[in-house]
C-alpha atoms as a PDB file:
ATOM      1  CA  MET A   1       4.359 -29.524  14.983  1.00  0.00           C
ATOM      2  CA  SER A   2       5.002 -26.031  16.044  1.00  0.00           C
ATOM      3  CA  LYS A   3       2.143 -23.712  16.943  1.00  0.00           C
ATOM      4  CA  PHE A   4       2.919 -21.405  14.045  1.00  0.00           C
ATOM      5  CA  LEU A   5       3.145 -24.284  11.618  1.00  0.00           C
ATOM      6  CA  ALA A   6      -0.518 -25.190  12.622  1.00  0.00           C
ATOM      7  CA  SER A   7      -1.492 -21.621  12.167  1.00  0.00           C
ATOM      8  CA  LEU A   8      -0.215 -21.478   8.549  1.00  0.00           C
ATOM      9  CA  ALA A   9      -1.841 -24.732   7.743  1.00  0.00           C
ATOM     10  CA  ALA A  10      -5.177 -23.623   9.008  1.00  0.00           C
ATOM     11  CA  ALA A  11      -4.961 -20.303   7.206  1.00  0.00           C
ATOM     12  CA  ALA A  12      -4.031 -21.775   3.858  1.00  0.00           C
ATOM     13  CA  VAL A  13      -7.629 -21.671   2.626  1.00  0.00           C
ATOM     14  CA  LEU A  14      -7.785 -17.957   3.613  1.00  0.00           C
ATOM     15  CA  PHE A  15      -5.038 -17.090   1.236  1.00  0.00           C
ATOM     16  CA  SER A  16      -5.742 -19.300  -1.817  1.00  0.00           C
ATOM     17  CA  GLY A  17      -5.441 -17.746  -5.129  1.00  0.00           C
ATOM     18  CA  ALA A  18      -9.025 -18.302  -6.112  1.00  0.00           C
ATOM     19  CA  ALA A  19     -11.065 -15.498  -7.147  1.00  0.00           C
ATOM     20  CA  ILE A  20     -13.644 -14.473  -4.557  1.00  0.00           C
ATOM     21  CA  ALA A  21     -16.580 -12.286  -5.764  1.00  0.00           C
ATOM     22  CA  SER A  22     -17.384 -10.779  -2.273  1.00  0.00           C
ATOM     23  CA  GLY A  23     -14.121  -8.855  -1.677  1.00  0.00           C
ATOM     24  CA  GLN A  24     -12.494  -6.070  -3.613  1.00  0.00           C
ATOM     25  CA  GLU A  25      -8.774  -6.012  -4.453  1.00  0.00           C
ATOM     26  CA  VAL A  26      -7.371  -2.412  -4.023  1.00  0.00           C
ATOM     27  CA  SER A  27      -3.892  -1.033  -4.648  1.00  0.00           C
ATOM     28  CA  ASN A  28      -1.786   0.085  -1.787  1.00  0.00           C
ATOM     29  CA  ASP A  29      -2.586   3.736  -2.102  1.00  0.00           C
ATOM     30  CA  LEU A  30      -1.165   5.429   1.102  1.00  0.00           C
ATOM     31  CA  SER A  31      -2.868   8.683   0.128  1.00  0.00           C
ATOM     32  CA  ARG A  32      -6.034   7.145   1.308  1.00  0.00           C
ATOM     33  CA  CYS A  33      -4.650   7.178   4.841  1.00  0.00           C
ATOM     34  CA  ALA A  34      -3.599  10.868   4.845  1.00  0.00           C
ATOM     35  CA  ALA A  35      -4.810  13.094   7.487  1.00  0.00           C
ATOM     36  CA  GLY A  36      -8.572  13.899   7.119  1.00  0.00           C
ATOM     37  CA  LYS A  37      -9.247  10.749   5.042  1.00  0.00           C
ATOM     38  CA  GLY A  38     -11.013   7.507   5.914  1.00  0.00           C
ATOM     39  CA  PRO A  39     -12.465   5.414   6.937  1.00  0.00           C
ATOM     40  CA  ALA A  40      -9.390   3.443   6.437  1.00  0.00           C
ATOM     41  CA  VAL A  41      -6.899   1.355   8.514  1.00  0.00           C
ATOM     42  CA  LEU A  42      -3.124   2.217   8.164  1.00  0.00           C
ATOM     43  CA  VAL A  43      -1.440  -1.182   8.813  1.00  0.00           C
ATOM     44  CA  SER A  44       2.264  -1.300   9.792  1.00  0.00           C
ATOM     45  CA  VAL A  45       3.476  -4.713   8.935  1.00  0.00           C
ATOM     46  CA  ARG A  46       6.660  -5.329  10.977  1.00  0.00           C
ATOM     47  CA  GLY A  47       9.256  -8.086  10.443  1.00  0.00           C
ATOM     48  CA  VAL A  48       9.103  -8.946   6.782  1.00  0.00           C
ATOM     49  CA  LYS A  49      11.893 -11.508   6.575  1.00  0.00           C
ATOM     50  CA  GLU A  50      13.131 -10.736   3.039  1.00  0.00           C
ATOM     51  CA  SER A  51      12.532  -8.833  -0.250  1.00  0.00           C
ATOM     52  CA  ALA A  52      11.082 -11.910  -1.951  1.00  0.00           C
ATOM     53  CA  GLY A  53       7.656 -12.953  -2.870  1.00  0.00           C
ATOM     54  CA  ARG A  54       4.332 -11.193  -2.103  1.00  0.00           C
ATOM     55  CA  ILE A  55       2.529  -9.617   0.972  1.00  0.00           C
ATOM     56  CA  ARG A  56      -1.189  -9.931   1.136  1.00  0.00           C
ATOM     57  CA  VAL A  57      -3.264  -7.911   3.650  1.00  0.00           C
ATOM     58  CA  GLN A  58      -6.996  -8.783   3.913  1.00  0.00           C
ATOM     59  CA  SER A  59      -9.648  -7.116   6.079  1.00  0.00           C
ATOM     60  CA  TYR A  60     -12.630  -8.892   7.522  1.00  0.00           C
ATOM     61  CA  PRO A  61     -15.802  -7.795   9.427  1.00  0.00           C
ATOM     62  CA  ALA A  62     -15.183  -8.626  13.074  1.00  0.00           C
ATOM     63  CA  THR A  63     -18.005 -11.261  13.260  1.00  0.00           C
ATOM     64  CA  GLY A  64     -17.702 -14.925  14.081  1.00  0.00           C
ATOM     65  CA  SER A  65     -19.377 -15.848  10.739  1.00  0.00           C
ATOM     66  CA  ALA A  66     -17.039 -13.705   8.562  1.00  0.00           C
ATOM     67  CA  TRP A  67     -13.658 -13.865  10.269  1.00  0.00           C
ATOM     68  CA  LEU A  68     -11.233 -15.826   7.958  1.00  0.00           C
ATOM     69  CA  ALA A  69     -14.303 -17.400   6.133  1.00  0.00           C
ATOM     70  CA  LYS A  70     -13.670 -18.052   2.529  1.00  0.00           C
ATOM     71  CA  GLY A  71     -15.167 -15.269   0.393  1.00  0.00           C
ATOM     72  CA  ARG A  72     -15.998 -13.067   3.364  1.00  0.00           C
ATOM     73  CA  TRP A  73     -13.042 -10.728   3.149  1.00  0.00           C
ATOM     74  CA  LEU A  74     -13.803  -7.064   2.418  1.00  0.00           C
ATOM     75  CA  HIS A  75     -10.603  -5.603   0.965  1.00  0.00           C
ATOM     76  CA  ARG A  76      -7.387  -7.103  -0.143  1.00  0.00           C
ATOM     77  CA  VAL A  77      -4.170  -5.306  -0.794  1.00  0.00           C
ATOM     78  CA  GLU A  78      -1.270  -7.352  -2.323  1.00  0.00           C
ATOM     79  CA  THR A  79       2.143  -6.147  -3.388  1.00  0.00           C
ATOM     80  CA  ARG A  80       5.955  -7.212  -3.637  1.00  0.00           C
ATOM     81  CA  ALA A  81       7.493  -7.874  -0.257  1.00  0.00           C
ATOM     82  CA  ASN A  82      10.283  -5.558   0.992  1.00  0.00           C
ATOM     83  CA  ALA A  83      12.372  -6.710   3.889  1.00  0.00           C
ATOM     84  CA  GLY A  84      11.786  -4.922   7.246  1.00  0.00           C
ATOM     85  CA  ASN A  85       8.660  -2.908   7.827  1.00  0.00           C
ATOM     86  CA  MET A  86       5.927  -2.119   5.281  1.00  0.00           C
ATOM     87  CA  SER A  87       2.813   0.128   5.380  1.00  0.00           C
ATOM     88  CA  PHE A  88      -0.601  -0.668   3.872  1.00  0.00           C
ATOM     89  CA  CYS A  89      -3.609   1.528   3.638  1.00  0.00           C
ATOM     90  CA  VAL A  90      -6.832  -0.678   3.752  1.00  0.00           C
ATOM     91  CA  PRO A  91     -10.174   1.063   3.237  1.00  0.00           C
ATOM     92  CA  VAL A  92     -13.078   0.018   5.465  1.00  0.00           C
ATOM     93  CA  PRO A  93     -16.738   0.467   4.566  1.00  0.00           C
ATOM     94  CA  SER A  94     -17.548   2.549   7.723  1.00  0.00           C
ATOM     95  CA  GLU A  95     -16.380   2.890  11.216  1.00  0.00           C
ATOM     96  CA  GLY A  96     -16.879  -0.364  13.206  1.00  0.00           C
ATOM     97  CA  LYS A  97     -15.180  -3.527  14.243  1.00  0.00           C
ATOM     98  CA  TYR A  98     -12.754  -5.348  11.836  1.00  0.00           C
ATOM     99  CA  GLY A  99      -9.928  -7.862  11.747  1.00  0.00           C
ATOM    100  CA  ILE A 100      -6.900  -7.948   9.534  1.00  0.00           C
ATOM    101  CA  ALA A 101      -4.864 -10.972   8.321  1.00  0.00           C
ATOM    102  CA  VAL A 102      -1.434 -10.791   6.610  1.00  0.00           C
ATOM    103  CA  ARG A 103       0.586 -13.285   4.809  1.00  0.00           C
ATOM    104  CA  HIS A 104       3.981 -13.252   3.282  1.00  0.00           C
ATOM    105  CA  ASP A 105       4.075 -15.744   0.302  1.00  0.00           C
ATOM    106  CA  ARG A 106       7.926 -15.827   0.106  1.00  0.00           C
ATOM    107  CA  ASN A 107       8.069 -17.740  -3.266  1.00  0.00           C
ATOM    108  CA  ALA A 108       5.022 -15.963  -4.718  1.00  0.00           C
ATOM    109  CA  ASN A 109       3.472 -19.390  -5.686  1.00  0.00           C
ATOM    110  CA  GLY A 110       0.069 -18.497  -4.387  1.00  0.00           C
ATOM    111  CA  LYS A 111       0.235 -21.439  -1.941  1.00  0.00           C
ATOM    112  CA  THR A 112       0.941 -21.605   1.673  1.00  0.00           C
ATOM    113  CA  ASP A 113       4.313 -23.177   2.230  1.00  0.00           C
ATOM    114  CA  ILE A 114       4.382 -23.841   5.978  1.00  0.00           C
ATOM    115  CA  SER A 115       8.122 -24.002   6.331  1.00  0.00           C
ATOM    116  CA  GLN A 116       8.715 -20.720   4.388  1.00  0.00           C
ATOM    117  CA  ASP A 117       5.710 -18.340   4.642  1.00  0.00           C
ATOM    118  CA  GLY A 118       5.016 -15.869   7.405  1.00  0.00           C
ATOM    119  CA  GLY A 119       1.793 -14.372   8.802  1.00  0.00           C
ATOM    120  CA  GLY A 120       0.074 -12.362  11.446  1.00  0.00           C
ATOM    121  CA  PHE A 121      -3.150 -10.942  12.495  1.00  0.00           C
ATOM    122  CA  SER A 122      -4.468  -7.705  13.973  1.00  0.00           C
ATOM    123  CA  ASN A 123      -3.775  -7.318  17.750  1.00  0.00           C
ATOM    124  CA  ASN A 124      -0.956  -9.878  17.359  1.00  0.00           C
ATOM    125  CA  PRO A 125      -2.751 -12.757  19.103  1.00  0.00           C
ATOM    126  CA  SER A 126      -0.751 -15.896  20.313  1.00  0.00           C
ATOM    127  CA  ILE A 127      -1.548 -18.883  18.227  1.00  0.00           C
ATOM    128  CA  ASN A 128      -1.765 -22.423  19.564  1.00  0.00           C
ATOM    129  CA  ILE A 129      -2.353 -25.952  18.253  1.00  0.00           C
ATOM    130  CA  LEU A 130      -5.798 -26.084  19.820  1.00  0.00           C
ATOM    131  CA  ASN A 131      -7.279 -23.319  17.599  1.00  0.00           C
ATOM    132  CA  LEU A 132      -5.243 -24.473  14.492  1.00  0.00           C
ATOM    133  CA  GLY A 133      -4.089 -20.892  13.724  1.00  0.00           C
ATOM    134  CA  LYS A 134      -7.540 -19.408  13.512  1.00  0.00           C
ATOM    135  CA  PRO A 135      -7.487 -16.974  16.432  1.00  0.00           C
ATOM    136  CA  ALA A 136     -10.934 -16.108  17.688  1.00  0.00           C
ATOM    137  CA  VAL A 137     -12.420 -12.924  16.343  1.00  0.00           C
ATOM    138  CA  SER A 138     -12.435 -11.619  19.872  1.00  0.00           C
ATOM    139  CA  LYS A 139      -8.683 -11.721  19.808  1.00  0.00           C
ATOM    140  CA  VAL A 140      -8.203  -9.831  16.564  1.00  0.00           C
ATOM    141  CA  ALA A 141     -11.140  -7.413  16.600  1.00  0.00           C
ATOM    142  CA  PHE A 142     -10.354  -3.591  16.788  1.00  0.00           C
ATOM    143  CA  GLN A 143     -12.469  -0.618  16.342  1.00  0.00           C
ATOM    144  CA  ALA A 144     -11.899   1.478  13.239  1.00  0.00           C
ATOM    145  CA  GLY A 145     -13.082   5.083  13.571  1.00  0.00           C
ATOM    146  CA  PRO A 146     -14.495   7.468  10.893  1.00  0.00           C
ATOM    147  CA  GLY A 147     -10.925   8.535   9.964  1.00  0.00           C
ATOM    148  CA  VAL A 148      -7.750   6.716   9.699  1.00  0.00           C
ATOM    149  CA  THR A 149      -6.987   4.033  12.422  1.00  0.00           C
ATOM    150  CA  ARG A 150      -3.452   2.824  12.834  1.00  0.00           C
ATOM    151  CA  ILE A 151      -2.446  -0.743  13.745  1.00  0.00           C
ATOM    152  CA  SER A 152       0.684  -2.853  13.808  1.00  0.00           C
ATOM    153  CA  ILE A 153       1.052  -6.449  12.906  1.00  0.00           C
ATOM    154  CA  ASN A 154       4.169  -8.456  13.609  1.00  0.00           C
ATOM    155  CA  LEU A 155       4.780 -11.201  11.052  1.00  0.00           C
ATOM    156  CA  ARG A 156       5.854 -14.729  12.371  1.00  0.00           C
ATOM    157  CA  TYR A 157       7.822 -17.185  10.423  1.00  0.00           C
ATOM    158  CA  MET A 158       8.523 -20.775  11.413  1.00  0.00           C
END
Protein backbone atom coordinates (compact mmCIF):
# COMPACT_ATOMS: atom_id res chain seq x y z
CA MET A 1 0.00 0.00 0.00
CA SER A 2 1.44 3.36 -0.94
CA LYS A 3 2.11 5.97 1.72
CA PHE A 4 -0.52 8.25 0.28
CA LEU A 5 -3.08 5.45 0.13
CA ALA A 6 -2.61 4.96 3.85
CA SER A 7 -2.95 8.70 4.34
CA LEU A 8 -6.32 8.85 2.64
CA ALA A 9 -7.58 5.77 4.45
CA ALA A 10 -6.73 7.26 7.82
CA ALA A 11 -8.23 10.63 6.96
CA ALA A 12 -11.54 9.17 5.80
CA VAL A 13 -13.25 9.82 9.13
CA LEU A 14 -12.07 13.41 9.04
CA PHE A 15 -13.99 14.10 5.86
CA SER A 16 -17.16 12.10 6.46
CA GLY A 17 -20.37 13.84 5.45
CA ALA A 18 -21.77 13.65 8.98
CA ALA A 19 -22.97 16.88 10.54
CA ILE A 20 -20.64 18.03 13.28
CA ALA A 21 -21.94 20.54 15.76
CA SER A 22 -18.65 22.09 16.85
CA GLY A 23 -17.55 23.51 13.49
CA GLN A 24 -19.01 26.17 11.25
CA GLU A 25 -19.41 25.82 7.50
CA VAL A 26 -18.64 29.08 5.73
CA SER A 27 -18.70 30.20 2.11
CA ASN A 28 -15.47 30.85 0.27
CA ASP A 29 -15.69 34.62 0.62
CA LEU A 30 -12.29 35.88 -0.55
CA SER A 31 -13.17 39.42 0.56
CA ARG A 32 -12.54 38.23 4.15
CA CYS A 33 -8.89 37.89 3.13
CA ALA A 34 -8.53 41.37 1.66
CA ALA A 35 -5.88 43.75 2.98
CA GLY A 36 -6.74 44.97 6.47
CA LYS A 37 -9.07 42.03 7.23
CA GLY A 38 -8.64 39.04 9.49
CA PRO A 39 -7.86 37.10 11.36
CA ALA A 40 -8.07 34.67 8.47
CA VAL A 41 -5.95 32.28 6.44
CA LEU A 42 -5.69 32.61 2.68
CA VAL A 43 -5.06 29.04 1.52
CA SER A 44 -3.66 28.48 -1.96
CA VAL A 45 -4.48 24.90 -2.93
CA ARG A 46 -2.16 23.78 -5.69
CA GLY A 47 -2.45 20.88 -8.07
CA VAL A 48 -6.20 20.19 -8.25
CA LYS A 49 -6.22 17.32 -10.72
CA GLU A 50 -9.51 18.03 -12.51
CA SER A 51 -12.64 20.16 -12.53
CA ALA A 52 -14.80 17.44 -11.04
CA GLY A 53 -16.17 16.88 -7.57
CA ARG A 54 -15.72 19.00 -4.46
CA ILE A 55 -12.83 20.55 -2.53
CA ARG A 56 -13.13 20.72 1.26
CA VAL A 57 -10.82 22.84 3.43
CA GLN A 58 -11.03 22.48 7.22
CA SER A 59 -9.19 24.38 9.96
CA TYR A 60 -8.29 22.95 13.36
CA PRO A 61 -6.67 24.26 16.52
CA ALA A 62 -3.04 23.10 16.47
CA THR A 63 -3.32 20.94 19.57
CA GLY A 64 -2.78 17.21 19.84
CA SER A 65 -6.32 16.64 21.08
CA ALA A 66 -8.04 18.63 18.32
CA TRP A 67 -5.94 18.04 15.20
CA LEU A 68 -7.98 15.84 12.80
CA ALA A 69 -10.26 14.74 15.64
CA LYS A 70 -13.85 14.13 14.65
CA GLY A 71 -15.99 17.14 15.52
CA ARG A 72 -13.04 19.37 16.46
CA TRP A 73 -12.67 21.38 13.25
CA LEU A 74 -13.29 25.12 13.48
CA HIS A 75 -14.30 26.20 9.98
CA ARG A 76 -15.06 24.30 6.80
CA VAL A 77 -15.15 25.74 3.29
CA GLU A 78 -16.45 23.44 0.57
CA THR A 79 -16.94 24.24 -3.10
CA ARG A 80 -16.88 22.81 -6.61
CA ALA A 81 -13.38 21.80 -7.75
CA ASN A 82 -11.57 23.65 -10.52
CA ALA A 83 -8.48 22.11 -12.11
CA GLY A 84 -5.17 23.77 -11.33
CA ASN A 85 -4.88 26.12 -8.36
CA MET A 86 -7.68 27.39 -6.11
CA SER A 87 -7.78 29.95 -3.30
CA PHE A 88 -9.80 29.73 -0.09
CA CYS A 89 -10.32 32.21 2.71
CA VAL A 90 -10.73 30.44 6.04
CA PRO A 91 -11.53 32.62 9.06
CA VAL A 92 -9.87 31.81 12.38
CA PRO A 93 -11.15 32.91 15.79
CA SER A 94 -7.97 34.77 16.78
CA GLU A 95 -4.27 34.85 16.12
CA GLY A 96 -2.64 31.60 17.20
CA LYS A 97 -1.54 28.17 15.99
CA TYR A 98 -3.71 26.23 13.53
CA GLY A 99 -3.60 23.33 11.09
CA ILE A 100 -5.43 23.01 7.76
CA ALA A 101 -6.55 19.82 5.99
CA VAL A 102 -7.76 19.71 2.35
CA ARG A 103 -9.52 16.95 0.42
CA HIS A 104 -10.55 16.70 -3.22
CA ASP A 105 -13.60 14.39 -3.37
CA ARG A 106 -13.35 13.82 -7.12
CA ASN A 107 -16.73 12.12 -7.58
CA ALA A 108 -18.51 14.21 -4.90
CA ASN A 109 -19.92 11.14 -3.18
CA GLY A 110 -18.95 12.32 0.32
CA LYS A 111 -16.74 9.26 0.83
CA THR A 112 -13.01 8.83 0.62
CA ASP A 113 -12.17 6.88 -2.51
CA ILE A 114 -8.53 6.03 -1.93
CA SER A 115 -7.66 5.40 -5.56
CA GLN A 116 -9.37 8.62 -6.75
CA ASP A 117 -9.34 11.41 -4.16
CA GLY A 118 -6.53 13.81 -3.34
CA GLY A 119 -5.53 15.52 -0.14
CA GLY A 120 -3.00 17.68 1.63
CA PHE A 121 -2.13 19.49 4.86
CA SER A 122 -0.66 22.81 5.93
CA ASN A 123 3.15 22.85 5.70
CA ASN A 124 2.93 19.96 3.18
CA PRO A 125 4.34 17.29 5.53
CA SER A 126 5.50 13.97 4.17
CA ILE A 127 3.16 11.11 4.98
CA ASN A 128 4.21 7.56 5.75
CA ILE A 129 2.66 4.21 6.53
CA LEU A 130 3.74 4.41 10.18
CA ASN A 131 1.58 7.42 11.03
CA LEU A 132 -1.23 6.20 8.76
CA GLY A 133 -1.71 9.53 7.09
CA LYS A 134 -2.25 11.57 10.21
CA PRO A 135 0.75 13.85 10.32
CA ALA A 136 1.70 15.07 13.77
CA VAL A 137 0.28 18.43 14.75
CA SER A 138 3.87 19.69 15.05
CA LYS A 139 4.30 19.04 11.30
CA VAL A 140 1.19 20.99 10.21
CA ALA A 141 1.00 23.79 12.78
CA PHE A 142 1.51 27.34 11.60
CA GLN A 143 1.12 30.72 13.30
CA ALA A 144 -1.80 32.83 12.11
CA GLY A 145 -1.42 36.52 12.84
CA PRO A 146 -4.09 39.14 13.56
CA GLY A 147 -4.49 39.91 9.84
CA VAL A 148 -4.44 37.56 6.86
CA THR A 149 -1.90 34.73 6.89
CA ARG A 150 -1.01 33.12 3.55
CA ILE A 151 -0.21 29.43 3.16
CA SER A 152 0.04 26.98 0.24
CA ILE A 153 -1.03 23.34 0.25
CA ASN A 154 -0.02 20.93 -2.51
CA LEU A 155 -2.60 18.24 -3.20
CA ARG A 156 -1.41 14.66 -3.56
CA TYR A 157 -3.14 11.91 -5.46
CA MET A 158 -2.39 8.22 -5.73
